[in-house]
């Protein structure tokens, strides 16, 4: 560690020690250590090491992070996890932690380290706010030393609206997409720090590793998806925390239920047959939403609800619980309406309520439905508020009541602000649909953040909102809800695919009709029916 009192501008330290602290020291902290080594090297007196507050002693870097590091040329060195100690903290000039929890653990261990201990993303944010020109001329060690001295007063002024944004996502127990998201957060933070202390490469320096780019996946854009039940559905189905699926039992009485829509349907698609007798089954839920709340005890209200329906969705959870898929269908998609001349999904809902919608969708897709859920369009806003806001890209200043409440750029918005932002495209159906899709994905990302995913109190509030916002068929009882939630508790928002039904315009007697695009629609529904949609998307 550099002796205290050194003036970095006149006598730069000959060595600067950076310590990165995680929990198990097999993923985030090791990735940050290796990336920082790859970017700064050790030729200028910079030593980078890592440790864990609860280290998995003897364990190497977990395989997903090992592969991600290899992909950017920051190879692991074969070292195993080591335990954080008083000595390692004392010897460090800068301590960077994965989350606020590890930062607190470091300071409890060595209180005097409080001024030089930051979360990785916190220090990156402060570094970016200062910029390269704020640091004195000198070698890399001198500039890092100066940055550490300048950083503490800027913690507060640069703090994010949501404190959890200072944490790196913990992907433990989650799918590959969560590891990628966590890795990207680590890499972005390291790059921000390096750009501040080392804005240019010296002659002979190796080039910086290329930023990691997750593999391109099928577009998640939605058509005709407006403000409604997707967030509720994800909350009910993709929870991923023990506290949440226990809480649903307590909140079950708040969920409104309507009569079984399947009871009087005589002709239905065949049930799914598992490859192993008695094996797990996929779950497919039809989700209908309207712009206003609907009284489910009033049959005459279905026509009003149908007129206001802004989305029809199939939410599918795979039998192995490794993926969830949300397929959006335009309400005005042309189908055969039970007992009537051919018409739209909206018309089927209006004429027959939930049973009519079920029969129309099953005839259209030949996919057997298990449940039906209804919600109103304010759900997105209420879920967003429960999550403490979400980050959305504003193309221009957001004005509410004649006052600018958020300037253009990536901004954390409240539920009310996000709703105004989406409805700002009220005269543009496509624009509104695109903004709604962006909002949904922002909600899914926020649900994957550690402070949400692992906080039972947050999920209790979230489930309170959801259970007050949705209605389900009476067959979707407490035991089935809890069983489904228990089976998907490790499924993260990164494993939720949102995709539209492929459609084309066709000539009709009274004008153009929106109909399924036959070949891709058939392929999509075959994959859904056989529970192979995940493999279909990965291979597509």
Protein backbone atom coordinates (compact mmCIF):
# COMPACT_ATOMS: atom_id res chain seq x y z
CA UNK A 1 0.00 0.00 0.00
CA UNK A 2 1.19 3.52 -0.77
CA UNK A 3 2.37 5.52 2.28
CA UNK A 4 -0.20 8.10 3.35
CA UNK A 5 0.43 11.73 2.61
CA UNK A 6 2.08 11.09 -0.74
CA UNK A 7 1.48 13.87 -3.29
CA UNK A 8 0.57 11.99 -6.45
CA UNK A 9 1.26 15.00 -8.65
CA UNK A 10 4.88 15.34 -7.46
CA UNK A 11 5.83 11.89 -6.15
CA UNK A 12 3.68 9.21 -7.69
CA UNK A 13 3.53 5.93 -5.81
CA UNK A 14 5.74 3.16 -7.12
CA UNK A 15 2.97 0.63 -6.54
CA UNK A 16 -0.80 0.80 -6.29
CA UNK A 17 -2.83 -2.13 -4.95
CA UNK A 18 -6.45 -2.67 -6.03
CA UNK A 19 -8.54 -5.22 -4.15
CA UNK A 20 -11.85 -6.41 -5.62
CA UNK A 21 -14.23 -8.02 -3.13
CA UNK A 22 -17.20 -10.27 -3.89
CA UNK A 23 -19.12 -12.82 -1.88
CA UNK A 24 -17.86 -16.25 -3.00
CA UNK A 25 -14.99 -14.82 -5.11
CA UNK A 26 -15.78 -17.08 -8.06
CA UNK A 27 -17.72 -14.78 -10.40
CA UNK A 28 -18.13 -10.99 -10.28
CA UNK A 29 -15.05 -10.09 -8.24
CA UNK A 30 -12.83 -12.44 -10.22
CA UNK A 31 -14.18 -11.04 -13.49
CA UNK A 32 -13.46 -7.48 -12.36
CA UNK A 33 -9.96 -8.51 -11.27
CA UNK A 34 -9.14 -10.14 -14.59
CA UNK A 35 -10.65 -7.36 -16.68
CA UNK A 36 -8.79 -4.68 -14.76
CA UNK A 37 -5.54 -6.58 -15.14
CA UNK A 38 -6.14 -6.92 -18.85
CA UNK A 39 -6.81 -3.21 -19.19
CA UNK A 40 -4.11 -1.68 -16.98
CA UNK A 41 -1.49 -4.40 -16.93
CA UNK A 42 1.13 -4.48 -14.20
CA UNK A 43 3.87 -2.59 -16.00
CA UNK A 44 3.03 0.67 -14.21
CA UNK A 45 3.03 -0.60 -10.66
CA UNK A 46 -0.63 -1.64 -10.54
CA UNK A 47 -1.40 -4.83 -8.65
CA UNK A 48 -4.95 -6.20 -8.81
CA UNK A 49 -6.26 -9.02 -6.62
CA UNK A 50 -9.60 -10.25 -5.35
CA UNK A 51 -11.18 -11.95 -2.34
CA UNK A 52 -14.58 -12.98 -1.02
CA UNK A 53 -16.48 -12.25 2.17
CA UNK A 54 -17.70 -15.85 2.12
CA UNK A 55 -15.17 -17.31 -0.26
CA UNK A 56 -15.70 -20.74 -1.77
CA UNK A 57 -12.16 -21.72 -0.86
CA UNK A 58 -10.31 -23.67 -3.50
CA UNK A 59 -12.98 -23.10 -6.15
CA UNK A 60 -12.09 -21.70 -9.61
CA UNK A 61 -14.04 -19.09 -11.54
CA UNK A 62 -17.51 -20.40 -12.35
CA UNK A 63 -17.82 -21.69 -15.90
CA UNK A 64 -20.14 -18.97 -17.33
CA UNK A 65 -17.75 -16.21 -16.25
CA UNK A 66 -14.72 -18.20 -17.36
CA UNK A 67 -16.24 -18.45 -20.84
CA UNK A 68 -17.17 -14.76 -20.91
CA UNK A 69 -13.67 -13.72 -19.83
CA UNK A 70 -12.13 -15.95 -22.46
CA UNK A 71 -14.41 -14.41 -25.10
CA UNK A 72 -12.85 -10.97 -24.49
CA UNK A 73 -9.28 -12.23 -24.09
CA UNK A 74 -9.10 -11.73 -20.31
CA UNK A 75 -8.17 -15.31 -19.48
CA UNK A 76 -8.41 -16.69 -15.97
CA UNK A 77 -5.12 -17.60 -14.31
CA UNK A 78 -6.01 -20.77 -12.45
CA UNK A 79 -6.11 -19.11 -9.05
CA UNK A 80 -8.77 -20.28 -6.63
CA UNK A 81 -11.06 -18.25 -4.40
CA UNK A 82 -9.58 -16.70 -1.27
CA UNK A 83 -11.12 -15.31 1.90
CA UNK A 84 -11.15 -11.60 2.67
CA UNK A 85 -8.93 -10.71 5.63
CA UNK A 86 -7.90 -7.68 7.62
CA UNK A 87 -4.44 -7.86 6.09
CA UNK A 88 -5.70 -7.79 2.50
CA UNK A 89 -7.81 -4.71 3.21
CA UNK A 90 -4.96 -2.93 5.02
CA UNK A 91 -2.62 -3.54 2.08
CA UNK A 92 -5.03 -2.15 -0.54
CA UNK A 93 -4.96 1.42 -1.82
CA UNK A 94 -8.42 0.97 -3.37
CA UNK A 95 -11.12 -1.56 -2.47
CA UNK A 96 -13.87 -2.18 -5.02
CA UNK A 97 -16.82 -4.39 -4.08
CA UNK A 98 -19.51 -6.15 -6.08
CA UNK A 99 -22.34 -4.71 -3.98
CA UNK A 100 -23.09 -2.45 -1.06
CA UNK A 101 -23.28 -5.53 1.15
CA UNK A 102 -19.63 -6.39 0.54
CA UNK A 103 -18.68 -2.71 0.91
CA UNK A 104 -20.25 -2.71 4.38
CA UNK A 105 -18.43 -5.94 5.25
CA UNK A 106 -15.06 -4.42 4.30
CA UNK A 107 -15.67 -1.32 6.41
CA UNK A 108 -16.81 -3.41 9.39
CA UNK A 109 -13.59 -5.37 9.10
CA UNK A 110 -11.35 -2.30 8.74
CA UNK A 111 -13.22 0.93 9.61
CA UNK A 112 -10.28 3.06 8.48
CA UNK A 113 -10.81 1.79 4.91
CA UNK A 114 -14.12 3.61 4.52
CA UNK A 115 -12.61 6.44 2.48
CA UNK A 116 -11.04 4.14 -0.10
CA UNK A 117 -13.80 1.52 -0.34
CA UNK A 118 -16.46 1.78 -3.05
CA UNK A 119 -18.72 -0.52 -4.96
CA UNK A 120 -17.36 -1.13 -8.45
CA UNK A 121 -20.23 0.68 -10.16
CA UNK A 122 -20.14 3.52 -7.62
CA UNK A 123 -16.45 4.18 -8.27
CA UNK A 124 -17.01 3.96 -12.03
CA UNK A 125 -19.79 6.53 -11.83
CA UNK A 126 -17.64 8.93 -9.79
CA UNK A 127 -14.71 8.42 -12.16
CA UNK A 128 -16.88 9.23 -15.17
CA UNK A 129 -18.23 12.36 -13.48
CA UNK A 130 -14.68 13.63 -12.86
CA UNK A 131 -13.27 12.76 -16.27
CA UNK A 132 -9.63 12.34 -17.35
CA UNK A 133 -8.81 16.07 -17.33
CA UNK A 134 -9.49 16.33 -13.58
CA UNK A 135 -6.52 14.12 -12.70
CA UNK A 136 -2.90 15.30 -12.54
CA UNK A 137 -0.36 14.29 -15.13
CA UNK A 138 1.58 11.22 -14.16
CA UNK A 139 1.73 7.48 -14.50
CA UNK A 140 -1.26 5.24 -14.03
CA UNK A 141 -0.58 4.59 -10.34
CA UNK A 142 -0.39 8.31 -9.64
CA UNK A 143 -3.64 9.02 -11.46
CA UNK A 144 -5.46 6.17 -9.68
CA UNK A 145 -4.19 7.49 -6.35
CA UNK A 146 -5.47 10.96 -7.18
CA UNK A 147 -8.85 9.55 -8.24
CA UNK A 148 -9.23 7.71 -4.93
CA UNK A 149 -8.54 10.93 -3.01
CA UNK A 150 -11.00 12.92 -5.12
CA UNK A 151 -13.82 10.36 -5.09
CA UNK A 152 -15.29 10.37 -1.53
CA UNK A 153 -16.90 13.86 -1.67
CA UNK A 154 -18.69 12.86 -4.89
CA UNK A 155 -20.46 9.77 -3.55
CA UNK A 156 -23.57 11.71 -2.59
CA UNK A 157 -23.83 14.20 -5.48
CA UNK A 158 -23.52 11.43 -8.07
CA UNK A 159 -25.65 8.84 -6.25
CA UNK A 160 -28.28 7.07 -8.40
CA UNK A 161 -31.99 7.48 -7.75
CA UNK A 162 -32.17 3.80 -6.76
CA UNK A 163 -29.32 2.77 -4.47
CA UNK A 164 -29.28 -0.75 -5.92
CA UNK A 165 -27.90 0.67 -9.16
CA UNK A 166 -24.55 0.75 -7.37
CA UNK A 167 -24.59 -3.06 -7.19
CA UNK A 168 -23.50 -5.62 -9.77
CA UNK A 169 -26.20 -8.21 -10.41
CA UNK A 170 -25.61 -11.50 -8.61
CA UNK A 171 -26.42 -14.16 -11.23
CA UNK A 172 -26.12 -17.11 -8.85
CA UNK A 173 -28.90 -19.62 -9.46
CA UNK A 174 -30.04 -17.81 -12.59
CA UNK A 175 -29.75 -18.58 -16.29
CA UNK A 176 -27.07 -17.69 -18.89
CA UNK A 177 -28.65 -14.35 -19.73
CA UNK A 178 -28.22 -13.21 -16.11
CA UNK A 179 -24.51 -14.10 -16.18
CA UNK A 180 -24.14 -12.12 -19.40
CA UNK A 181 -25.93 -9.12 -17.90
CA UNK A 182 -23.78 -9.26 -14.76
CA UNK A 183 -20.61 -9.55 -16.84
CA UNK A 184 -21.59 -6.58 -18.99
CA UNK A 185 -22.13 -4.51 -15.82
CA UNK A 186 -18.67 -5.44 -14.54
CA UNK A 187 -17.03 -4.75 -17.88
CA UNK A 188 -18.74 -1.38 -18.30
CA UNK A 189 -17.65 -0.28 -14.82
CA UNK A 190 -14.03 -1.34 -15.33
CA UNK A 191 -13.91 0.37 -18.71
CA UNK A 192 -15.29 3.59 -17.21
CA UNK A 193 -12.56 3.63 -14.57
CA UNK A 194 -9.83 2.84 -17.07
CA UNK A 195 -11.02 5.51 -19.50
CA UNK A 196 -10.67 8.10 -16.72
CA UNK A 197 -7.22 7.15 -15.49
CA UNK A 198 -5.84 5.99 -18.83
CA UNK A 199 -7.58 7.91 -21.63
CA UNK A 200 -4.97 6.97 -24.26
CA UNK A 201 -2.71 3.99 -24.88
CA UNK A 202 1.03 4.44 -24.75
CA UNK A 203 3.23 3.25 -27.61
CA UNK A 204 3.69 -0.49 -27.43
CA UNK A 205 0.72 -1.07 -25.12
CA UNK A 206 -1.51 -3.98 -26.12
CA UNK A 207 -4.98 -2.96 -27.32
CA UNK A 208 -7.82 -3.12 -24.84
CA UNK A 209 -9.96 -6.27 -25.09
CA UNK A 210 -13.10 -5.82 -27.13
CA UNK A 211 -16.27 -5.25 -25.05
CA UNK A 212 -18.37 -8.36 -24.68
CA UNK A 213 -21.49 -8.37 -26.85
CA UNK A 214 -24.15 -10.97 -25.96
CA UNK A 215 -25.15 -13.17 -28.90
CA UNK A 216 -27.90 -11.67 -31.02
CA UNK A 217 -31.31 -13.16 -30.28
CA UNK A 218 -34.62 -13.02 -32.04
CA UNK A 219 -36.15 -9.55 -31.87
CA UNK A 220 -38.34 -8.94 -28.85
CA UNK A 221 -40.29 -6.10 -30.41
CA UNK A 222 -44.05 -6.26 -29.99
CA UNK A 223 -46.90 -5.16 -32.23
CA UNK A 224 -50.08 -3.81 -30.68
CA UNK A 225 -48.87 -4.45 -27.12
CA UNK A 226 -50.08 -1.68 -24.84
CA UNK A 227 -50.19 -1.16 -21.12
CA UNK A 228 -51.39 -4.15 -19.29
CA UNK A 229 -50.86 -7.59 -17.85
CA UNK A 230 -47.39 -8.70 -18.90
CA UNK A 231 -45.80 -7.37 -15.73
CA UNK A 232 -48.54 -9.00 -13.68
CA UNK A 233 -48.04 -12.27 -15.49
CA UNK A 234 -44.29 -12.19 -15.00
CA UNK A 235 -44.82 -11.40 -11.35
CA UNK A 236 -47.17 -14.32 -10.92
CA UNK A 237 -45.16 -16.80 -12.95
CA UNK A 238 -41.51 -15.73 -12.95
CA UNK A 239 -40.86 -14.86 -9.33
CA UNK A 240 -37.70 -16.70 -8.40
CA UNK A 241 -37.66 -16.09 -4.66
CA UNK A 242 -38.83 -18.25 -1.80
CA UNK A 243 -40.31 -15.26 0.02
CA UNK A 244 -42.51 -14.44 -2.95
CA UNK A 245 -44.15 -17.81 -3.49
CA UNK A 246 -44.80 -18.15 0.23
CA UNK A 247 -46.33 -14.66 0.24
CA UNK A 248 -48.71 -15.57 -2.57
CA UNK A 249 -50.47 -17.90 -0.17
CA UNK A 250 -51.10 -14.96 2.14
CA UNK A 251 -52.28 -12.73 -0.70
CA UNK A 252 -54.38 -15.36 -2.47
CA UNK A 253 -57.66 -14.04 -1.09
CA UNK A 254 -57.09 -10.73 -2.91
CA UNK A 255 -56.96 -12.38 -6.34
CA UNK A 256 -60.33 -12.02 -8.06
CA UNK A 257 -61.60 -15.15 -9.79
CA UNK A 258 -64.19 -15.76 -12.48
CA UNK A 259 -66.05 -18.96 -13.46
CA UNK A 260 -64.18 -21.77 -15.20
CA UNK A 261 -64.02 -20.78 -18.91
CA UNK A 262 -63.17 -24.35 -19.95
CA UNK A 263 -66.14 -26.10 -18.31
CA UNK A 264 -68.52 -26.20 -21.29
CA UNK A 265 -66.03 -26.47 -24.14
CA UNK A 266 -66.56 -29.78 -25.93
CA UNK A 267 -63.93 -29.66 -28.65
CA UNK A 268 -60.42 -28.78 -27.53
CA UNK A 269 -56.79 -29.48 -28.60
CA UNK A 270 -55.22 -32.62 -27.17
CA UNK A 271 -53.33 -32.27 -23.87
CA UNK A 272 -49.54 -32.26 -23.87
CA UNK A 273 -48.04 -35.72 -23.34
CA UNK A 274 -44.71 -35.72 -21.45
CA UNK A 275 -41.90 -37.91 -22.75
CA UNK A 276 -41.69 -39.60 -19.34
CA UNK A 277 -44.94 -40.88 -17.84
CA UNK A 278 -45.90 -38.64 -14.93
CA UNK A 279 -43.35 -36.02 -15.99
CA UNK A 280 -43.75 -32.26 -15.61
CA UNK A 281 -46.15 -30.43 -17.91
CA UNK A 282 -45.83 -27.03 -19.57
CA UNK A 283 -48.28 -24.31 -18.53
CA UNK A 284 -49.96 -22.00 -21.06
CA UNK A 285 -52.01 -19.02 -19.87
CA UNK A 286 -54.22 -16.80 -22.04
CA UNK A 287 -53.84 -13.18 -20.87
CA UNK A 288 -56.43 -10.58 -21.82
CA UNK A 289 -56.21 -6.93 -20.91
CA UNK A 290 -58.27 -3.78 -21.28
CA UNK A 291 -57.57 -0.13 -20.70
CA UNK A 292 -59.92 -0.06 -17.70
CA UNK A 293 -60.75 -2.42 -14.87
CA UNK A 294 -63.57 -4.86 -15.63
CA UNK A 295 -66.13 -6.35 -13.27
CA UNK A 296 -65.79 -10.10 -13.71
CA UNK A 297 -69.15 -10.75 -12.04
CA UNK A 298 -71.04 -8.87 -14.76
CA UNK A 299 -71.40 -10.86 -18.04
CA UNK A 300 -72.54 -7.70 -19.84
CA UNK A 301 -69.16 -6.14 -19.07
CA UNK A 302 -67.31 -8.52 -21.42
CA UNK A 303 -68.39 -6.57 -24.52
CA UNK A 304 -67.07 -3.36 -22.95
CA UNK A 305 -63.86 -5.10 -21.96
CA UNK A 306 -63.42 -6.50 -25.46
CA UNK A 307 -63.87 -3.05 -26.99
CA UNK A 308 -61.05 -1.81 -24.75
CA UNK A 309 -58.79 -4.85 -25.13
CA UNK A 310 -55.34 -3.77 -26.20
CA UNK A 311 -53.57 -7.11 -26.06
CA UNK A 312 -54.13 -10.86 -26.21
CA UNK A 313 -51.19 -12.98 -25.08
CA UNK A 314 -50.17 -16.57 -24.63
CA UNK A 315 -47.80 -16.97 -21.70
CA UNK A 316 -46.01 -20.32 -21.81
CA UNK A 317 -43.77 -21.83 -19.12
CA UNK A 318 -41.79 -24.81 -20.41
CA UNK A 319 -42.15 -28.20 -18.78
CA UNK A 320 -38.54 -28.15 -17.57
CA UNK A 321 -39.10 -24.59 -16.21
CA UNK A 322 -36.01 -23.32 -18.02
CA UNK A 323 -37.85 -20.70 -20.08
CA UNK A 324 -40.99 -18.62 -20.21
CA UNK A 325 -42.36 -17.26 -23.48
CA UNK A 326 -44.90 -14.50 -23.98
CA UNK A 327 -46.51 -14.46 -27.44
CA UNK A 328 -48.48 -11.32 -28.29
CA UNK A 329 -51.45 -11.49 -30.65
CA UNK A 330 -53.20 -8.39 -32.01
CA UNK A 331 -56.81 -8.21 -30.70
CA UNK A 332 -57.99 -7.61 -34.26
CA UNK A 333 -56.38 -10.76 -35.61
CA UNK A 334 -58.92 -12.50 -37.87
CA UNK A 335 -60.13 -15.89 -36.59
CA UNK A 336 -63.19 -18.10 -36.53
CA UNK A 337 -65.58 -16.83 -33.85
CA UNK A 338 -67.51 -19.64 -32.08
CA UNK A 339 -71.12 -19.73 -33.24
CA UNK A 340 -70.68 -16.73 -35.49
CA UNK A 341 -69.27 -15.82 -38.84
CA UNK A 342 -65.48 -15.43 -38.90
CA UNK A 343 -64.28 -12.37 -37.01
CA UNK A 344 -61.56 -11.09 -34.72
CA UNK A 345 -60.22 -12.20 -31.36
CA UNK A 346 -61.78 -9.05 -29.95
CA UNK A 347 -65.18 -10.09 -31.30
CA UNK A 348 -64.80 -13.58 -29.83
CA UNK A 349 -64.11 -12.05 -26.41
CA UNK A 350 -67.06 -9.66 -26.75
CA UNK A 351 -69.52 -12.36 -27.81
CA UNK A 352 -68.47 -15.16 -25.51
CA UNK A 353 -66.42 -13.65 -22.68
CA UNK A 354 -63.41 -15.70 -21.53
CA UNK A 355 -64.89 -19.00 -22.86
CA UNK A 356 -65.33 -17.41 -26.29
CA UNK A 357 -61.78 -16.09 -26.25
CA UNK A 358 -60.41 -19.48 -25.17
CA UNK A 359 -62.28 -21.32 -27.92
CA UNK A 360 -61.18 -18.85 -30.59
CA UNK A 361 -57.54 -18.96 -29.55
CA UNK A 362 -57.47 -22.74 -29.27
CA UNK A 363 -59.07 -23.13 -32.72
CA UNK A 364 -56.60 -20.65 -34.17
CA UNK A 365 -53.45 -22.10 -32.60
CA UNK A 366 -54.35 -25.73 -31.83
CA UNK A 367 -52.59 -25.12 -28.49
CA UNK A 368 -54.39 -26.27 -25.36
CA UNK A 369 -54.75 -23.51 -22.78
CA UNK A 370 -54.52 -24.15 -19.04
CA UNK A 371 -55.68 -20.86 -17.52
CA UNK A 372 -56.96 -17.37 -18.29
CA UNK A 373 -55.88 -14.10 -16.65
CA UNK A 374 -57.35 -10.60 -16.98
CA UNK A 375 -55.79 -7.28 -16.06
CA UNK A 376 -56.18 -3.55 -16.67
CA UNK A 377 -53.72 -1.19 -18.29
CA UNK A 378 -52.64 0.57 -15.10
CA UNK A 379 -50.81 -2.57 -14.00
CA UNK A 380 -47.51 -1.57 -15.63
CA UNK A 381 -47.53 1.72 -13.74
CA UNK A 382 -48.33 0.12 -10.39
CA UNK A 383 -45.68 -2.58 -10.86
CA UNK A 384 -43.11 0.06 -11.86
CA UNK A 385 -43.88 2.05 -8.74
CA UNK A 386 -43.47 -1.04 -6.56
CA UNK A 387 -40.06 -1.65 -8.15
CA UNK A 388 -38.89 1.84 -7.26
CA UNK A 389 -39.01 2.97 -10.89
CA UNK A 390 -37.39 1.65 -14.06
CA UNK A 391 -34.90 3.13 -16.52
CA UNK A 392 -36.29 4.16 -19.89
CA UNK A 393 -34.77 5.92 -22.91
CA UNK A 394 -36.34 9.35 -23.43
CA UNK A 395 -35.99 10.69 -26.95
CA UNK A 396 -36.88 14.17 -25.65
CA UNK A 397 -37.72 15.90 -22.38
CA UNK A 398 -40.70 14.41 -20.55
CA UNK A 399 -43.19 17.15 -19.71
CA UNK A 400 -46.06 16.64 -17.26
CA UNK A 401 -48.36 19.49 -16.32
CA UNK A 402 -46.22 21.98 -18.19
CA UNK A 403 -43.11 21.06 -16.21
CA UNK A 404 -40.07 19.08 -17.36
CA UNK A 405 -39.87 16.11 -15.01
CA UNK A 406 -37.09 14.26 -16.85
CA UNK A 407 -34.64 15.38 -19.49
CA UNK A 408 -33.80 13.40 -22.62
CA UNK A 409 -31.59 10.33 -22.18
CA UNK A 410 -31.61 7.18 -20.04
CA UNK A 411 -33.72 8.18 -17.04
CA UNK A 412 -35.23 6.43 -14.02
CA UNK A 413 -38.99 7.05 -14.21
CA UNK A 414 -41.80 6.49 -11.74
CA UNK A 415 -44.85 4.47 -12.73
CA UNK A 416 -46.88 7.61 -13.47
CA UNK A 417 -44.08 9.15 -15.53
CA UNK A 418 -43.56 5.95 -17.53
CA UNK A 419 -47.29 5.76 -18.26
CA UNK A 420 -47.27 9.34 -19.55
CA UNK A 421 -44.22 8.54 -21.68
CA UNK A 422 -45.97 5.59 -23.35
CA UNK A 423 -49.24 7.43 -23.82
CA UNK A 424 -47.33 10.31 -25.39
CA UNK A 425 -47.44 8.20 -28.57
CA UNK A 426 -51.24 8.01 -28.36
CA UNK A 427 -51.70 8.95 -32.02
CA UNK A 428 -49.16 6.40 -33.19
CA UNK A 429 -50.14 2.78 -32.53
CA UNK A 430 -46.77 1.42 -33.61
CA UNK A 431 -44.87 3.96 -31.52
CA UNK A 432 -47.03 3.20 -28.50
CA UNK A 433 -46.49 -0.52 -29.01
CA UNK A 434 -42.74 -0.09 -29.29
CA UNK A 435 -42.60 2.02 -26.15
CA UNK A 436 -44.74 -0.51 -24.29
CA UNK A 437 -42.32 -3.27 -25.27
CA UNK A 438 -39.37 -1.21 -24.07
CA UNK A 439 -41.20 -0.60 -20.79
CA UNK A 440 -41.90 -4.30 -20.31
CA UNK A 441 -38.26 -5.24 -20.88
CA UNK A 442 -37.19 -2.50 -18.44
CA UNK A 443 -39.53 -4.02 -15.85
CA UNK A 444 -38.10 -7.49 -16.49
CA UNK A 445 -34.55 -6.15 -16.11
CA UNK A 446 -35.49 -4.40 -12.86
CA UNK A 447 -37.07 -7.60 -11.54
CA UNK A 448 -33.71 -9.30 -12.08
CA UNK A 449 -31.78 -6.78 -9.96
CA UNK A 450 -30.45 -8.23 -6.73
CA UNK A 451 -32.26 -5.76 -4.45
CA UNK A 452 -35.58 -6.86 -5.98
CA UNK A 453 -34.98 -10.54 -6.65
CA UNK A 454 -33.69 -11.35 -3.18
CA UNK A 455 -35.82 -8.94 -1.12
CA UNK A 456 -38.99 -10.58 0.24
CA UNK A 457 -40.42 -7.20 1.29
CA UNK A 458 -40.16 -5.86 -2.25
CA UNK A 459 -41.86 -8.99 -3.60
CA UNK A 460 -44.56 -8.71 -0.95
CA UNK A 461 -45.34 -5.19 -2.16
CA UNK A 462 -45.12 -6.30 -5.79
CA UNK A 463 -47.41 -9.26 -5.26
CA UNK A 464 -49.83 -6.99 -3.41
CA UNK A 465 -50.05 -4.83 -6.52
CA UNK A 466 -50.36 -7.82 -8.81
CA UNK A 467 -53.03 -9.61 -6.83
CA UNK A 468 -55.08 -6.42 -6.72
CA UNK A 469 -54.67 -5.90 -10.47
CA UNK A 470 -55.47 -9.27 -12.02
CA UNK A 471 -58.28 -11.78 -12.11
CA UNK A 472 -57.81 -15.46 -12.96
CA UNK A 473 -60.07 -18.42 -13.64
CA UNK A 474 -61.25 -20.31 -10.58
CA UNK A 475 -59.16 -23.34 -11.53
CA UNK A 476 -55.97 -21.37 -10.95
CA UNK A 477 -56.22 -21.85 -7.20
CA UNK A 478 -53.71 -21.26 -4.42
CA UNK A 479 -52.13 -24.71 -4.55
CA UNK A 480 -51.52 -24.53 -8.29
CA UNK A 481 -50.13 -20.99 -8.04
CA UNK A 482 -47.72 -21.92 -5.27
CA UNK A 483 -46.69 -25.09 -7.08
CA UNK A 484 -45.94 -23.17 -10.26
CA UNK A 485 -44.03 -20.47 -8.41
CA UNK A 486 -41.99 -23.04 -6.53
CA UNK A 487 -41.04 -24.80 -9.73
CA UNK A 488 -39.78 -21.61 -11.42
CA UNK A 489 -38.06 -19.98 -8.45
CA UNK A 490 -34.65 -20.01 -10.22
CA UNK A 491 -36.04 -18.72 -13.51
CA UNK A 492 -34.83 -15.17 -14.08
CA UNK A 493 -36.29 -12.39 -16.22
CA UNK A 494 -33.45 -13.01 -18.66
CA UNK A 495 -35.11 -16.31 -19.55
CA UNK A 496 -38.39 -14.65 -20.55
CA UNK A 497 -38.80 -14.22 -24.32
CA UNK A 498 -41.37 -11.76 -25.64
CA UNK A 499 -42.30 -12.13 -29.30
CA UNK A 500 -45.14 -11.22 -31.65
CA UNK A 501 -47.30 -13.50 -33.72
CA UNK A 502 -46.27 -13.21 -37.40
CA UNK A 503 -49.06 -11.52 -39.35
CA UNK A 504 -49.83 -10.24 -42.84
CA UNK A 505 -52.59 -8.15 -44.39
CA UNK A 506 -55.10 -9.96 -46.59
CA UNK A 507 -57.94 -8.65 -48.73
CA UNK A 508 -61.42 -9.07 -47.25
CA UNK A 509 -64.93 -8.20 -48.39
CA UNK A 510 -64.99 -5.05 -46.29
CA UNK A 511 -61.31 -4.16 -46.50
CA UNK A 512 -57.89 -5.39 -45.42
CA UNK A 513 -57.79 -8.07 -42.71
CA UNK A 514 -54.95 -8.85 -40.31
CA UNK A 515 -54.36 -12.59 -40.55
CA UNK A 516 -51.62 -14.99 -39.39
CA UNK A 517 -48.66 -15.35 -41.74
CA UNK A 518 -49.33 -19.03 -42.47
CA UNK A 519 -45.88 -20.66 -42.63
CA UNK A 520 -44.08 -18.93 -39.73
CA UNK A 521 -47.28 -18.93 -37.66
CA UNK A 522 -47.62 -22.68 -38.10
CA UNK A 523 -43.98 -23.23 -37.14
CA UNK A 524 -44.35 -21.04 -34.07
CA UNK A 525 -47.49 -22.80 -32.87
CA UNK A 526 -46.05 -26.25 -33.55
CA UNK A 527 -43.11 -25.34 -31.33
CA UNK A 528 -45.42 -24.04 -28.64
CA UNK A 529 -47.66 -27.10 -28.81
CA UNK A 530 -44.72 -29.51 -28.53
CA UNK A 531 -42.95 -27.41 -25.86
CA UNK A 532 -39.89 -26.90 -28.07
CA UNK A 533 -40.17 -23.13 -28.47
CA UNK A 534 -36.97 -22.46 -26.52
CA UNK A 535 -34.96 -24.67 -28.85
CA UNK A 536 -36.74 -23.16 -31.85
CA UNK A 537 -35.80 -19.62 -30.83
CA UNK A 538 -32.21 -20.53 -29.95
CA UNK A 539 -31.81 -22.16 -33.32
CA UNK A 540 -33.63 -19.46 -35.25
